[in-house]
Amino acid sequence: MVSKTEETQLNRLENQVDNGGGGAWEYLCLVRKLKVRRSEKVLKHGLSILNDPKQRSALGPEEWTLYEQVAIAAMDCQCLDVAKDCIKVLQKIFPESKRVGRLEGMLLEAKGSWDEAEKAYSSLLEDNPLDQVIHKRKVAMAKAQGNISGAIEWLNKYLEIFMADHDAWRELAEIYVSLQMYKQAAFCYEELILSQPTVPLYHLAYADVLYTLGGLENLQTAKKYYASTIDLTGGRNTRALLGICLCTSAIAQLSKGRNKEDKESPELYSLAATALEKDYKQRASDKLGLLTSALRSLKI
């Protein structure tokens, strides 16, 4: 994830290069370091360096890294002839390179030659079954073809090998949510919370899934994770505050007729409702009336 400081630095350097102030190579290096996609800019400024023999030769071995970067940017921009030319240069210098082989597979993808790309990736995986990039390309290719079940299958296979990849767990969770497979999504978020317990986004997403599943036990757990989201964000998460109120109301309805021990204290609800009203008063005073009437309609 790119920090605000890094994003500011990147935007400043981008404006400098766009306005003819120099620093194109530094900009391209920063884009690569931060792993962001600024494909049009990378293509424009990368080609300006590659088309200048003096600038290109000054890069030394980094010249080949730039060819790779420009090739990927060109594919993003559907400038497939440019991508093909860059890959040809790399093929001549590194004829047996698996890294160049990945670029060839990506070019086949960009052309829509799915079967050929699948064969190319399968061949690369035979040589190196632990190639993370190829596994991810297979997932991306399945999604690009609308094959969601295939994407789920490849993500699960990938996570059997690379269990610590948080982005993959999150992507799988989001796919499950989109398919209303909430139990499977809950499992993914549990894995994320176990590995990164201080990320409020995962607590919030897990609480949302449990609230959607419903049932007394799920709602009680959802309420706890909404509360932990509030704790991790210093009380500044509006969605989690509202989640506390909704869970409290739903639990109250399901607990009717049960023992007093099973019923929850309304104290947390009161704190959340007060914090919500304060937040709306400061940031969206025109909608405070809507919030107040919504909270009053909840049965506690």
C-alpha atoms as a PDB file:
ATOM      1  CA  MET A   1       0.000   0.000   0.000  1.00  0.00           C
ATOM      2  CA  VAL A   2       1.340   3.415  -1.013  1.00  0.00           C
ATOM      3  CA  SER A   3       1.595   5.954   1.812  1.00  0.00           C
ATOM      4  CA  LYS A   4       0.396   9.547   1.430  1.00  0.00           C
ATOM      5  CA  THR A   5       4.004  10.766   1.532  1.00  0.00           C
ATOM      6  CA  GLU A   6       5.015   8.389  -1.273  1.00  0.00           C
ATOM      7  CA  GLU A   7       1.974   9.337  -3.362  1.00  0.00           C
ATOM      8  CA  THR A   8       2.771  13.040  -2.923  1.00  0.00           C
ATOM      9  CA  GLN A   9       6.368  12.416  -3.970  1.00  0.00           C
ATOM     10  CA  LEU A  10       5.237  10.441  -7.013  1.00  0.00           C
ATOM     11  CA  ASN A  11       2.725  13.084  -8.129  1.00  0.00           C
ATOM     12  CA  ARG A  12       5.282  15.861  -7.663  1.00  0.00           C
ATOM     13  CA  LEU A  13       7.856  14.008  -9.757  1.00  0.00           C
ATOM     14  CA  GLU A  14       5.234  13.190 -12.392  1.00  0.00           C
ATOM     15  CA  ASN A  15       4.271  16.860 -12.741  1.00  0.00           C
ATOM     16  CA  GLN A  16       7.938  17.790 -12.969  1.00  0.00           C
ATOM     17  CA  VAL A  17       8.569  15.321 -15.807  1.00  0.00           C
ATOM     18  CA  ASP A  18       5.349  16.272 -17.635  1.00  0.00           C
ATOM     19  CA  ASN A  19       6.357  19.927 -17.561  1.00  0.00           C
ATOM     20  CA  GLY A  20       9.805  19.277 -19.008  1.00  0.00           C
ATOM     21  CA  GLY A  21      11.689  19.565 -15.730  1.00  0.00           C
ATOM     22  CA  GLY A  22      13.614  16.319 -16.197  1.00  0.00           C
ATOM     23  CA  GLY A  23      13.768  13.337 -13.872  1.00  0.00           C
ATOM     24  CA  ALA A  24      12.052  10.809 -16.166  1.00  0.00           C
ATOM     25  CA  TRP A  25      14.280   7.935 -15.056  1.00  0.00           C
ATOM     26  CA  GLU A  26      13.808   8.749 -11.363  1.00  0.00           C
ATOM     27  CA  TYR A  27      10.044   8.820 -11.954  1.00  0.00           C
ATOM     28  CA  LEU A  28      10.081   5.431 -13.680  1.00  0.00           C
ATOM     29  CA  CYS A  29      12.183   3.951 -10.862  1.00  0.00           C
ATOM     30  CA  LEU A  30       9.742   5.259  -8.246  1.00  0.00           C
ATOM     31  CA  VAL A  31       6.745   3.849 -10.124  1.00  0.00           C
ATOM     32  CA  ARG A  32       8.498   0.481 -10.171  1.00  0.00           C
ATOM     33  CA  LYS A  33       9.470   0.683  -6.503  1.00  0.00           C
ATOM     34  CA  LEU A  34       5.944   1.556  -5.344  1.00  0.00           C
ATOM     35  CA  LYS A  35       4.395  -1.043  -7.683  1.00  0.00           C
ATOM     36  CA  VAL A  36       1.780   1.377  -8.995  1.00  0.00           C
ATOM     37  CA  ARG A  37       0.245   1.393 -12.466  1.00  0.00           C
ATOM     38  CA  ARG A  38       0.761   4.668 -14.332  1.00  0.00           C
ATOM     39  CA  SER A  39       0.857   2.930 -17.694  1.00  0.00           C
ATOM     40  CA  GLU A  40       0.310   5.892 -20.028  1.00  0.00           C
ATOM     41  CA  LYS A  41       3.002   7.943 -18.307  1.00  0.00           C
ATOM     42  CA  VAL A  42       5.415   4.999 -18.126  1.00  0.00           C
ATOM     43  CA  LEU A  43       4.906   4.303 -21.825  1.00  0.00           C
ATOM     44  CA  LYS A  44       5.448   7.941 -22.805  1.00  0.00           C
ATOM     45  CA  HIS A  45       8.501   8.668 -20.655  1.00  0.00           C
ATOM     46  CA  GLY A  46       9.970   5.180 -21.003  1.00  0.00           C
ATOM     47  CA  LEU A  47       9.913   5.360 -24.792  1.00  0.00           C
ATOM     48  CA  SER A  48      11.481   8.828 -24.704  1.00  0.00           C
ATOM     49  CA  ILE A  49      14.504   7.272 -22.980  1.00  0.00           C
ATOM     50  CA  LEU A  50      14.626   4.077 -25.063  1.00  0.00           C
ATOM     51  CA  ASN A  51      14.435   6.059 -28.334  1.00  0.00           C
ATOM     52  CA  ASP A  52      17.406   8.195 -27.298  1.00  0.00           C
ATOM     53  CA  PRO A  53      20.626   6.106 -27.746  1.00  0.00           C
ATOM     54  CA  LYS A  54      22.625   8.358 -25.407  1.00  0.00           C
ATOM     55  CA  GLN A  55      20.098   8.166 -22.551  1.00  0.00           C
ATOM     56  CA  ARG A  56      19.555   4.453 -23.128  1.00  0.00           C
ATOM     57  CA  SER A  57      23.252   3.537 -22.998  1.00  0.00           C
ATOM     58  CA  ALA A  58      23.679   5.590 -19.808  1.00  0.00           C
ATOM     59  CA  LEU A  59      21.352   3.203 -17.983  1.00  0.00           C
ATOM     60  CA  GLY A  60      23.767   0.275 -18.135  1.00  0.00           C
ATOM     61  CA  PRO A  61      22.127  -3.043 -17.106  1.00  0.00           C
ATOM     62  CA  GLU A  62      18.997  -1.121 -16.037  1.00  0.00           C
ATOM     63  CA  GLU A  63      18.206  -0.725 -19.744  1.00  0.00           C
ATOM     64  CA  TRP A  64      16.668  -4.223 -19.795  1.00  0.00           C
ATOM     65  CA  THR A  65      14.541  -3.473 -16.747  1.00  0.00           C
ATOM     66  CA  LEU A  66      13.180  -0.435 -18.579  1.00  0.00           C
ATOM     67  CA  TYR A  67      12.374  -2.524 -21.660  1.00  0.00           C
ATOM     68  CA  GLU A  68      10.373  -4.858 -19.425  1.00  0.00           C
ATOM     69  CA  GLN A  69       8.579  -1.955 -17.698  1.00  0.00           C
ATOM     70  CA  VAL A  70       7.680  -0.323 -21.009  1.00  0.00           C
ATOM     71  CA  ALA A  71       6.495  -3.648 -22.472  1.00  0.00           C
ATOM     72  CA  ILE A  72       4.021  -4.140 -19.596  1.00  0.00           C
ATOM     73  CA  ALA A  73       2.833  -0.517 -19.825  1.00  0.00           C
ATOM     74  CA  ALA A  74       2.349  -0.893 -23.582  1.00  0.00           C
ATOM     75  CA  MET A  75       0.187  -3.989 -23.039  1.00  0.00           C
ATOM     76  CA  ASP A  76      -1.913  -2.057 -20.526  1.00  0.00           C
ATOM     77  CA  CYS A  77      -2.410   0.675 -23.145  1.00  0.00           C
ATOM     78  CA  GLN A  78      -3.093  -1.869 -25.926  1.00  0.00           C
ATOM     79  CA  CYS A  79       0.001  -0.688 -27.832  1.00  0.00           C
ATOM     80  CA  LEU A  80       0.792  -4.294 -28.668  1.00  0.00           C
ATOM     81  CA  ASP A  81       3.297  -3.521 -31.441  1.00  0.00           C
ATOM     82  CA  VAL A  82       5.418  -1.535 -28.963  1.00  0.00           C
ATOM     83  CA  ALA A  83       5.188  -4.373 -26.428  1.00  0.00           C
ATOM     84  CA  LYS A  84       6.176  -6.899 -29.085  1.00  0.00           C
ATOM     85  CA  ASP A  85       9.228  -4.842 -30.103  1.00  0.00           C
ATOM     86  CA  CYS A  86      10.385  -4.519 -26.482  1.00  0.00           C
ATOM     87  CA  ILE A  87       9.980  -8.257 -25.886  1.00  0.00           C
ATOM     88  CA  LYS A  88      11.926  -9.044 -29.082  1.00  0.00           C
ATOM     89  CA  VAL A  89      14.857  -6.987 -27.810  1.00  0.00           C
ATOM     90  CA  LEU A  90      14.802  -8.870 -24.515  1.00  0.00           C
ATOM     91  CA  GLN A  91      14.521 -12.244 -26.294  1.00  0.00           C
ATOM     92  CA  LYS A  92      17.732 -11.550 -28.195  1.00  0.00           C
ATOM     93  CA  ILE A  93      19.635 -10.655 -25.016  1.00  0.00           C
ATOM     94  CA  PHE A  94      18.078 -13.335 -22.770  1.00  0.00           C
ATOM     95  CA  PRO A  95      16.949 -16.174 -25.078  1.00  0.00           C
ATOM     96  CA  GLU A  96      16.345 -18.721 -22.277  1.00  0.00           C
ATOM     97  CA  SER A  97      14.900 -16.340 -19.691  1.00  0.00           C
ATOM     98  CA  LYS A  98      11.755 -17.433 -17.845  1.00  0.00           C
ATOM     99  CA  ARG A  99      11.113 -13.783 -17.023  1.00  0.00           C
ATOM    100  CA  VAL A 100      10.941 -12.960 -20.731  1.00  0.00           C
ATOM    101  CA  GLY A 101       8.775 -16.059 -21.161  1.00  0.00           C
ATOM    102  CA  ARG A 102       6.272 -14.527 -18.746  1.00  0.00           C
ATOM    103  CA  LEU A 103       6.168 -11.381 -20.881  1.00  0.00           C
ATOM    104  CA  GLU A 104       5.476 -13.508 -23.965  1.00  0.00           C
ATOM    105  CA  GLY A 105       2.556 -15.129 -22.136  1.00  0.00           C
ATOM    106  CA  MET A 106       1.229 -11.735 -21.086  1.00  0.00           C
ATOM    107  CA  LEU A 107       1.399 -10.535 -24.700  1.00  0.00           C
ATOM    108  CA  LEU A 108      -0.675 -13.546 -25.772  1.00  0.00           C
ATOM    109  CA  GLU A 109      -3.174 -12.611 -23.060  1.00  0.00           C
ATOM    110  CA  ALA A 110      -3.331  -9.028 -24.303  1.00  0.00           C
ATOM    111  CA  LYS A 111      -4.071 -10.336 -27.803  1.00  0.00           C
ATOM    112  CA  GLY A 112      -6.875 -12.544 -26.431  1.00  0.00           C
ATOM    113  CA  SER A 113      -5.039 -15.748 -27.413  1.00  0.00           C
ATOM    114  CA  TRP A 114      -6.123 -17.499 -24.220  1.00  0.00           C
ATOM    115  CA  ASP A 115      -5.293 -21.083 -25.231  1.00  0.00           C
ATOM    116  CA  GLU A 116      -1.784 -20.159 -26.350  1.00  0.00           C
ATOM    117  CA  ALA A 117      -1.227 -18.138 -23.177  1.00  0.00           C
ATOM    118  CA  GLU A 118      -2.435 -21.080 -21.078  1.00  0.00           C
ATOM    119  CA  LYS A 119       0.053 -23.395 -22.812  1.00  0.00           C
ATOM    120  CA  ALA A 120       2.889 -20.909 -22.327  1.00  0.00           C
ATOM    121  CA  TYR A 121       2.132 -20.520 -18.606  1.00  0.00           C
ATOM    122  CA  SER A 122       1.716 -24.280 -18.069  1.00  0.00           C
ATOM    123  CA  SER A 123       5.110 -24.858 -19.682  1.00  0.00           C
ATOM    124  CA  LEU A 124       6.715 -22.253 -17.407  1.00  0.00           C
ATOM    125  CA  LEU A 125       5.106 -23.807 -14.333  1.00  0.00           C
ATOM    126  CA  GLU A 126       6.502 -27.227 -15.260  1.00  0.00           C
ATOM    127  CA  ASP A 127       9.980 -25.729 -15.078  1.00  0.00           C
ATOM    128  CA  ASN A 128       9.245 -23.776 -11.892  1.00  0.00           C
ATOM    129  CA  PRO A 129       6.076 -24.772  -9.972  1.00  0.00           C
ATOM    130  CA  LEU A 130       6.777 -22.031  -7.389  1.00  0.00           C
ATOM    131  CA  ASP A 131       6.610 -19.108  -9.817  1.00  0.00           C
ATOM    132  CA  GLN A 132       4.214 -16.733  -8.036  1.00  0.00           C
ATOM    133  CA  VAL A 133       3.774 -14.417 -11.009  1.00  0.00           C
ATOM    134  CA  ILE A 134       2.619 -17.237 -13.302  1.00  0.00           C
ATOM    135  CA  HIS A 135       0.112 -18.511 -10.728  1.00  0.00           C
ATOM    136  CA  LYS A 136      -1.281 -14.982 -10.434  1.00  0.00           C
ATOM    137  CA  ARG A 137      -1.434 -14.616 -14.213  1.00  0.00           C
ATOM    138  CA  LYS A 138      -3.571 -17.756 -14.378  1.00  0.00           C
ATOM    139  CA  VAL A 139      -6.000 -16.224 -11.872  1.00  0.00           C
ATOM    140  CA  ALA A 140      -6.079 -12.951 -13.824  1.00  0.00           C
ATOM    141  CA  MET A 141      -6.635 -14.798 -17.082  1.00  0.00           C
ATOM    142  CA  ALA A 142      -9.584 -16.749 -15.663  1.00  0.00           C
ATOM    143  CA  LYS A 143     -11.159 -13.508 -14.384  1.00  0.00           C
ATOM    144  CA  ALA A 144     -10.589 -11.764 -17.724  1.00  0.00           C
ATOM    145  CA  GLN A 145     -12.547 -14.540 -19.449  1.00  0.00           C
ATOM    146  CA  GLY A 146     -15.368 -14.330 -16.911  1.00  0.00           C
ATOM    147  CA  ASN A 147     -14.459 -17.757 -15.545  1.00  0.00           C
ATOM    148  CA  ILE A 148     -15.002 -16.971 -11.844  1.00  0.00           C
ATOM    149  CA  SER A 149     -15.071 -20.621 -10.762  1.00  0.00           C
ATOM    150  CA  GLY A 150     -11.707 -21.066 -12.494  1.00  0.00           C
ATOM    151  CA  ALA A 151     -10.330 -17.994 -10.720  1.00  0.00           C
ATOM    152  CA  ILE A 152     -11.456 -19.436  -7.367  1.00  0.00           C
ATOM    153  CA  GLU A 153      -9.827 -22.770  -8.189  1.00  0.00           C
ATOM    154  CA  TRP A 154      -6.509 -21.146  -9.125  1.00  0.00           C
ATOM    155  CA  LEU A 155      -6.549 -18.847  -6.105  1.00  0.00           C
ATOM    156  CA  ASN A 156      -7.091 -21.807  -3.793  1.00  0.00           C
ATOM    157  CA  LYS A 157      -4.250 -23.707  -5.458  1.00  0.00           C
ATOM    158  CA  TYR A 158      -2.051 -20.631  -5.162  1.00  0.00           C
ATOM    159  CA  LEU A 159      -2.860 -20.197  -1.457  1.00  0.00           C
ATOM    160  CA  GLU A 160      -2.000 -23.838  -0.758  1.00  0.00           C
ATOM    161  CA  ILE A 161       1.561 -22.896  -1.731  1.00  0.00           C
ATOM    162  CA  PHE A 162       1.746 -19.205  -0.753  1.00  0.00           C
ATOM    163  CA  MET A 163      -0.384 -19.090   2.399  1.00  0.00           C
ATOM    164  CA  ALA A 164       1.082 -15.773   3.594  1.00  0.00           C
ATOM    165  CA  ASP A 165      -0.092 -13.745   0.568  1.00  0.00           C
ATOM    166  CA  HIS A 166      -2.560 -11.296   2.123  1.00  0.00           C
ATOM    167  CA  ASP A 167      -3.621  -9.803  -1.190  1.00  0.00           C
ATOM    168  CA  ALA A 168      -4.609 -13.229  -2.511  1.00  0.00           C
ATOM    169  CA  TRP A 169      -6.706 -14.004   0.589  1.00  0.00           C
ATOM    170  CA  ARG A 170      -8.444 -10.651   0.251  1.00  0.00           C
ATOM    171  CA  GLU A 171      -9.106 -11.149  -3.468  1.00  0.00           C
ATOM    172  CA  LEU A 172     -10.563 -14.599  -2.792  1.00  0.00           C
ATOM    173  CA  ALA A 173     -12.745 -13.192   0.004  1.00  0.00           C
ATOM    174  CA  GLU A 174     -14.095 -10.461  -2.281  1.00  0.00           C
ATOM    175  CA  ILE A 175     -14.911 -12.998  -4.999  1.00  0.00           C
ATOM    176  CA  TYR A 176     -16.790 -15.142  -2.476  1.00  0.00           C
ATOM    177  CA  VAL A 177     -18.743 -12.102  -1.252  1.00  0.00           C
ATOM    178  CA  SER A 178     -19.691 -11.216  -4.842  1.00  0.00           C
ATOM    179  CA  LEU A 179     -21.062 -14.769  -5.217  1.00  0.00           C
ATOM    180  CA  GLN A 180     -22.856 -14.579  -1.823  1.00  0.00           C
ATOM    181  CA  MET A 181     -20.664 -17.426  -0.513  1.00  0.00           C
ATOM    182  CA  TYR A 182     -20.405 -15.764   2.879  1.00  0.00           C
ATOM    183  CA  LYS A 183     -19.126 -18.715   4.936  1.00  0.00           C
ATOM    184  CA  GLN A 184     -16.174 -19.144   2.595  1.00  0.00           C
ATOM    185  CA  ALA A 185     -15.555 -15.377   2.664  1.00  0.00           C
ATOM    186  CA  ALA A 186     -15.602 -15.436   6.478  1.00  0.00           C
ATOM    187  CA  PHE A 187     -12.874 -18.098   6.469  1.00  0.00           C
ATOM    188  CA  CYS A 188     -10.681 -15.894   4.239  1.00  0.00           C
ATOM    189  CA  TYR A 189     -11.106 -12.888   6.528  1.00  0.00           C
ATOM    190  CA  GLU A 190     -10.289 -15.063   9.557  1.00  0.00           C
ATOM    191  CA  GLU A 191      -6.997 -15.959   7.887  1.00  0.00           C
ATOM    192  CA  LEU A 192      -6.294 -12.283   7.219  1.00  0.00           C
ATOM    193  CA  ILE A 193      -7.057 -11.266  10.809  1.00  0.00           C
ATOM    194  CA  LEU A 194      -4.810 -14.026  12.140  1.00  0.00           C
ATOM    195  CA  SER A 195      -1.891 -12.848  10.009  1.00  0.00           C
ATOM    196  CA  GLN A 196      -2.543  -9.086  10.276  1.00  0.00           C
ATOM    197  CA  PRO A 197      -4.561  -8.477  13.449  1.00  0.00           C
ATOM    198  CA  THR A 198      -4.040  -4.699  13.494  1.00  0.00           C
ATOM    199  CA  VAL A 199      -5.577  -3.961  10.069  1.00  0.00           C
ATOM    200  CA  PRO A 200      -9.053  -2.502  10.755  1.00  0.00           C
ATOM    201  CA  LEU A 201     -10.252  -3.139   7.192  1.00  0.00           C
ATOM    202  CA  TYR A 202     -10.202  -6.910   7.787  1.00  0.00           C
ATOM    203  CA  HIS A 203     -12.066  -6.649  11.087  1.00  0.00           C
ATOM    204  CA  LEU A 204     -14.723  -4.509   9.411  1.00  0.00           C
ATOM    205  CA  ALA A 205     -15.111  -6.791   6.380  1.00  0.00           C
ATOM    206  CA  TYR A 206     -15.343  -9.862   8.640  1.00  0.00           C
ATOM    207  CA  ALA A 207     -18.020  -8.158  10.750  1.00  0.00           C
ATOM    208  CA  ASP A 208     -19.999  -7.254   7.614  1.00  0.00           C
ATOM    209  CA  VAL A 209     -19.925 -10.868   6.428  1.00  0.00           C
ATOM    210  CA  LEU A 210     -21.043 -12.222   9.820  1.00  0.00           C
ATOM    211  CA  TYR A 211     -23.844  -9.640  10.034  1.00  0.00           C
ATOM    212  CA  THR A 212     -25.009 -10.699   6.560  1.00  0.00           C
ATOM    213  CA  LEU A 213     -24.979 -14.380   7.578  1.00  0.00           C
ATOM    214  CA  GLY A 214     -27.202 -13.550  10.550  1.00  0.00           C
ATOM    215  CA  GLY A 215     -28.089 -15.752  13.505  1.00  0.00           C
ATOM    216  CA  LEU A 216     -27.509 -14.866  17.138  1.00  0.00           C
ATOM    217  CA  GLU A 217     -23.955 -16.214  17.419  1.00  0.00           C
ATOM    218  CA  ASN A 218     -22.811 -14.565  14.172  1.00  0.00           C
ATOM    219  CA  LEU A 219     -24.382 -11.237  15.168  1.00  0.00           C
ATOM    220  CA  GLN A 220     -22.707 -11.295  18.581  1.00  0.00           C
ATOM    221  CA  THR A 221     -19.339 -12.003  16.948  1.00  0.00           C
ATOM    222  CA  ALA A 222     -19.974  -9.333  14.313  1.00  0.00           C
ATOM    223  CA  LYS A 223     -20.644  -6.808  17.069  1.00  0.00           C
ATOM    224  CA  LYS A 224     -17.293  -7.659  18.685  1.00  0.00           C
ATOM    225  CA  TYR A 225     -15.454  -7.128  15.408  1.00  0.00           C
ATOM    226  CA  TYR A 226     -17.238  -3.845  14.736  1.00  0.00           C
ATOM    227  CA  ALA A 227     -16.086  -2.824  18.217  1.00  0.00           C
ATOM    228  CA  SER A 228     -12.498  -3.876  17.471  1.00  0.00           C
ATOM    229  CA  THR A 229     -12.642  -1.834  14.236  1.00  0.00           C
ATOM    230  CA  ILE A 230     -13.672   1.214  16.251  1.00  0.00           C
ATOM    231  CA  ASP A 231     -10.840   0.545  18.701  1.00  0.00           C
ATOM    232  CA  LEU A 232      -8.251   0.180  15.911  1.00  0.00           C
ATOM    233  CA  THR A 233      -9.392   3.380  14.170  1.00  0.00           C
ATOM    234  CA  GLY A 234      -9.647   5.505  17.299  1.00  0.00           C
ATOM    235  CA  GLY A 235     -13.436   5.689  17.037  1.00  0.00           C
ATOM    236  CA  ARG A 236     -13.378   7.206  13.559  1.00  0.00           C
ATOM    237  CA  ASN A 237     -15.095   4.499  11.517  1.00  0.00           C
ATOM    238  CA  THR A 238     -18.678   5.476  10.736  1.00  0.00           C
ATOM    239  CA  ARG A 239     -19.547   2.113   9.182  1.00  0.00           C
ATOM    240  CA  ALA A 240     -18.429   0.229  12.296  1.00  0.00           C
ATOM    241  CA  LEU A 241     -20.387   2.586  14.587  1.00  0.00           C
ATOM    242  CA  LEU A 242     -23.521   1.954  12.537  1.00  0.00           C
ATOM    243  CA  GLY A 243     -22.741  -1.770  12.573  1.00  0.00           C
ATOM    244  CA  ILE A 244     -22.782  -1.736  16.389  1.00  0.00           C
ATOM    245  CA  CYS A 245     -26.253  -0.167  16.342  1.00  0.00           C
ATOM    246  CA  LEU A 246     -27.626  -2.593  13.748  1.00  0.00           C
ATOM    247  CA  CYS A 247     -26.172  -5.646  15.507  1.00  0.00           C
ATOM    248  CA  THR A 248     -27.551  -4.535  18.886  1.00  0.00           C
ATOM    249  CA  SER A 249     -31.033  -4.150  17.383  1.00  0.00           C
ATOM    250  CA  ALA A 250     -30.900  -7.518  15.580  1.00  0.00           C
ATOM    251  CA  ILE A 251     -29.601  -9.292  18.714  1.00  0.00           C
ATOM    252  CA  ALA A 252     -32.386  -7.715  20.789  1.00  0.00           C
ATOM    253  CA  GLN A 253     -35.007  -9.072  18.405  1.00  0.00           C
ATOM    254  CA  LEU A 254     -33.504 -12.578  18.416  1.00  0.00           C
ATOM    255  CA  SER A 255     -33.113 -12.555  22.225  1.00  0.00           C
ATOM    256  CA  LYS A 256     -36.781 -11.906  22.967  1.00  0.00           C
ATOM    257  CA  GLY A 257     -38.150 -14.424  25.424  1.00  0.00           C
ATOM    258  CA  ARG A 258     -34.685 -15.609  26.467  1.00  0.00           C
ATOM    259  CA  ASN A 259     -33.099 -15.375  29.899  1.00  0.00           C
ATOM    260  CA  LYS A 260     -31.858 -11.975  31.027  1.00  0.00           C
ATOM    261  CA  GLU A 261     -28.295 -13.355  30.948  1.00  0.00           C
ATOM    262  CA  ASP A 262     -28.596 -13.811  27.183  1.00  0.00           C
ATOM    263  CA  LYS A 263     -29.570 -10.200  26.625  1.00  0.00           C
ATOM    264  CA  GLU A 264     -26.903  -7.565  26.079  1.00  0.00           C
ATOM    265  CA  SER A 265     -26.452  -4.245  27.808  1.00  0.00           C
ATOM    266  CA  PRO A 266     -27.510  -1.251  25.651  1.00  0.00           C
ATOM    267  CA  GLU A 267     -24.500   0.731  26.883  1.00  0.00           C
ATOM    268  CA  LEU A 268     -22.336   0.074  23.796  1.00  0.00           C
ATOM    269  CA  TYR A 269     -25.280   0.959  21.540  1.00  0.00           C
ATOM    270  CA  SER A 270     -25.724   4.289  23.340  1.00  0.00           C
ATOM    271  CA  LEU A 271     -22.033   5.132  22.985  1.00  0.00           C
ATOM    272  CA  ALA A 272     -22.050   4.219  19.272  1.00  0.00           C
ATOM    273  CA  ALA A 273     -25.251   6.183  18.576  1.00  0.00           C
ATOM    274  CA  THR A 274     -23.871   9.260  20.372  1.00  0.00           C
ATOM    275  CA  ALA A 275     -20.600   9.034  18.420  1.00  0.00           C
ATOM    276  CA  LEU A 276     -22.535   8.671  15.147  1.00  0.00           C
ATOM    277  CA  GLU A 277     -24.681  11.728  15.824  1.00  0.00           C
ATOM    278  CA  LYS A 278     -21.596  13.748  16.742  1.00  0.00           C
ATOM    279  CA  ASP A 279     -19.835  12.613  13.555  1.00  0.00           C
ATOM    280  CA  TYR A 280     -22.824  13.510  11.358  1.00  0.00           C
ATOM    281  CA  LYS A 281     -23.225  16.870  13.087  1.00  0.00           C
ATOM    282  CA  GLN A 282     -19.617  17.733  12.192  1.00  0.00           C
ATOM    283  CA  ARG A 283     -19.382  16.262   8.686  1.00  0.00           C
ATOM    284  CA  ALA A 284     -22.928  15.955   7.279  1.00  0.00           C
ATOM    285  CA  SER A 285     -25.245  18.105   9.364  1.00  0.00           C
ATOM    286  CA  ASP A 286     -27.871  18.164   6.591  1.00  0.00           C
ATOM    287  CA  LYS A 287     -28.301  14.377   6.984  1.00  0.00           C
ATOM    288  CA  LEU A 288     -28.409  14.350  10.792  1.00  0.00           C
ATOM    289  CA  GLY A 289     -32.206  14.181  10.785  1.00  0.00           C
ATOM    290  CA  LEU A 290     -32.146  11.057   8.599  1.00  0.00           C
ATOM    291  CA  LEU A 291     -29.672   9.384  10.933  1.00  0.00           C
ATOM    292  CA  THR A 292     -31.665  10.287  14.044  1.00  0.00           C
ATOM    293  CA  SER A 293     -34.900   8.887  12.596  1.00  0.00           C
ATOM    294  CA  ALA A 294     -33.082   5.718  11.451  1.00  0.00           C
ATOM    295  CA  LEU A 295     -31.645   5.136  14.926  1.00  0.00           C
ATOM    296  CA  ARG A 296     -35.031   5.718  16.542  1.00  0.00           C
ATOM    297  CA  SER A 297     -36.606   3.105  14.272  1.00  0.00           C
ATOM    298  CA  LEU A 298     -34.214   0.428  15.598  1.00  0.00           C
ATOM    299  CA  LYS A 299     -35.812  -1.760  18.224  1.00  0.00           C
ATOM    300  CA  ILE A 300     -33.521  -2.254  21.209  1.00  0.00           C
END
